[in-house]
């Protein structure tokens, strides 16, 4: 069985899953450049975008996967396919 948790926001969240499930946990971070985010109408809001719930995983986590989502659908698809294939191999 595979379970996907789509939104952890704090280091303590990741630590809990790793403690509870050990080596089977795979962490995935999706990133986009600030320019891409602005093209998607994101505007930095002090007190919101610098809060722990938004940037608590910016340091201290060695992610197993980092997926870049800057608008290149082919590149995104290739990254996701690699992730899915890896997960299938580990089942």
Protein backbone atom coordinates (compact mmCIF):
# COMPACT_ATOMS: atom_id res chain seq x y z
CA UNK A 1 0.00 0.00 0.00
CA UNK A 2 1.05 3.55 -0.78
CA UNK A 3 -0.18 6.59 1.09
CA UNK A 4 0.40 10.12 -0.14
CA UNK A 5 0.43 13.05 2.24
CA UNK A 6 0.18 16.09 0.04
CA UNK A 7 0.88 18.95 2.39
CA UNK A 8 3.34 18.85 5.25
CA UNK A 9 4.41 22.28 6.39
CA UNK A 10 6.75 21.87 9.34
CA UNK A 11 9.92 19.95 10.07
CA UNK A 12 8.09 18.23 12.92
CA UNK A 13 5.58 16.83 10.37
CA UNK A 14 8.36 15.22 8.32
CA UNK A 15 10.12 13.97 11.44
CA UNK A 16 6.89 12.35 12.67
CA UNK A 17 6.34 10.46 9.42
CA UNK A 18 9.96 9.32 9.33
CA UNK A 19 9.76 8.13 12.95
CA UNK A 20 6.46 6.35 12.36
CA UNK A 21 7.24 4.75 8.99
CA UNK A 22 11.03 4.73 8.70
CA UNK A 23 12.84 4.16 5.45
CA UNK A 24 9.72 3.77 3.32
CA UNK A 25 8.99 7.50 3.60
CA UNK A 26 9.81 9.40 0.42
CA UNK A 27 9.80 13.19 0.65
CA UNK A 28 9.00 15.25 -2.43
CA UNK A 29 9.40 18.99 -2.73
CA UNK A 30 7.89 20.91 -5.64
CA UNK A 31 9.70 24.14 -6.46
CA UNK A 32 9.26 27.02 -8.87
CA UNK A 33 11.31 30.14 -9.34
CA UNK A 34 10.07 33.39 -7.89
CA UNK A 35 9.59 34.68 -11.45
CA UNK A 36 7.35 31.71 -12.29
CA UNK A 37 5.38 32.18 -9.10
CA UNK A 38 4.84 35.87 -9.91
CA UNK A 39 3.63 34.94 -13.42
CA UNK A 40 1.07 32.77 -11.61
CA UNK A 41 -0.07 35.89 -9.71
CA UNK A 42 1.72 35.12 -6.44
CA UNK A 43 2.60 38.21 -4.41
CA UNK A 44 4.72 37.98 -1.26
CA UNK A 45 2.74 38.91 1.86
CA UNK A 46 4.73 39.64 5.01
CA UNK A 47 3.46 37.63 7.94
CA UNK A 48 2.01 34.98 5.65
CA UNK A 49 4.67 33.91 3.18
CA UNK A 50 7.45 34.12 5.75
CA UNK A 51 5.52 32.17 8.42
CA UNK A 52 6.61 28.70 9.52
CA UNK A 53 3.60 27.18 7.76
CA UNK A 54 4.95 28.49 4.44
CA UNK A 55 8.72 28.21 4.81
CA UNK A 56 9.23 25.76 7.69
CA UNK A 57 10.70 23.17 5.32
CA UNK A 58 13.07 25.52 3.50
CA UNK A 59 15.93 24.28 5.70
CA UNK A 60 16.66 21.13 7.65
CA UNK A 61 15.10 18.59 5.30
CA UNK A 62 17.02 16.47 2.82
CA UNK A 63 14.26 15.78 0.31
CA UNK A 64 14.37 12.53 -1.61
CA UNK A 65 12.90 14.22 -4.66
CA UNK A 66 12.85 17.82 -5.83
CA UNK A 67 10.42 18.43 -8.69
CA UNK A 68 10.76 21.67 -10.65
CA UNK A 69 7.48 23.13 -11.88
CA UNK A 70 8.40 26.22 -13.90
CA UNK A 71 5.88 25.74 -16.70
CA UNK A 72 7.75 23.25 -18.88
CA UNK A 73 5.14 20.49 -19.14
CA UNK A 74 7.52 18.02 -20.79
CA UNK A 75 10.17 18.45 -18.09
CA UNK A 76 7.54 18.20 -15.36
CA UNK A 77 6.12 15.04 -16.90
CA UNK A 78 9.57 13.47 -17.13
CA UNK A 79 10.29 14.23 -13.47
CA UNK A 80 6.96 12.84 -12.33
CA UNK A 81 7.40 9.73 -14.45
CA UNK A 82 10.80 9.11 -12.86
CA UNK A 83 9.25 9.49 -9.41
CA UNK A 84 6.36 7.14 -10.21
CA UNK A 85 8.69 4.52 -11.69
CA UNK A 86 10.88 4.66 -8.59
CA UNK A 87 7.86 4.19 -6.36
CA UNK A 88 6.70 1.22 -8.44
CA UNK A 89 10.14 -0.39 -8.12
CA UNK A 90 10.00 -0.07 -4.35
CA UNK A 91 6.64 -1.84 -4.00
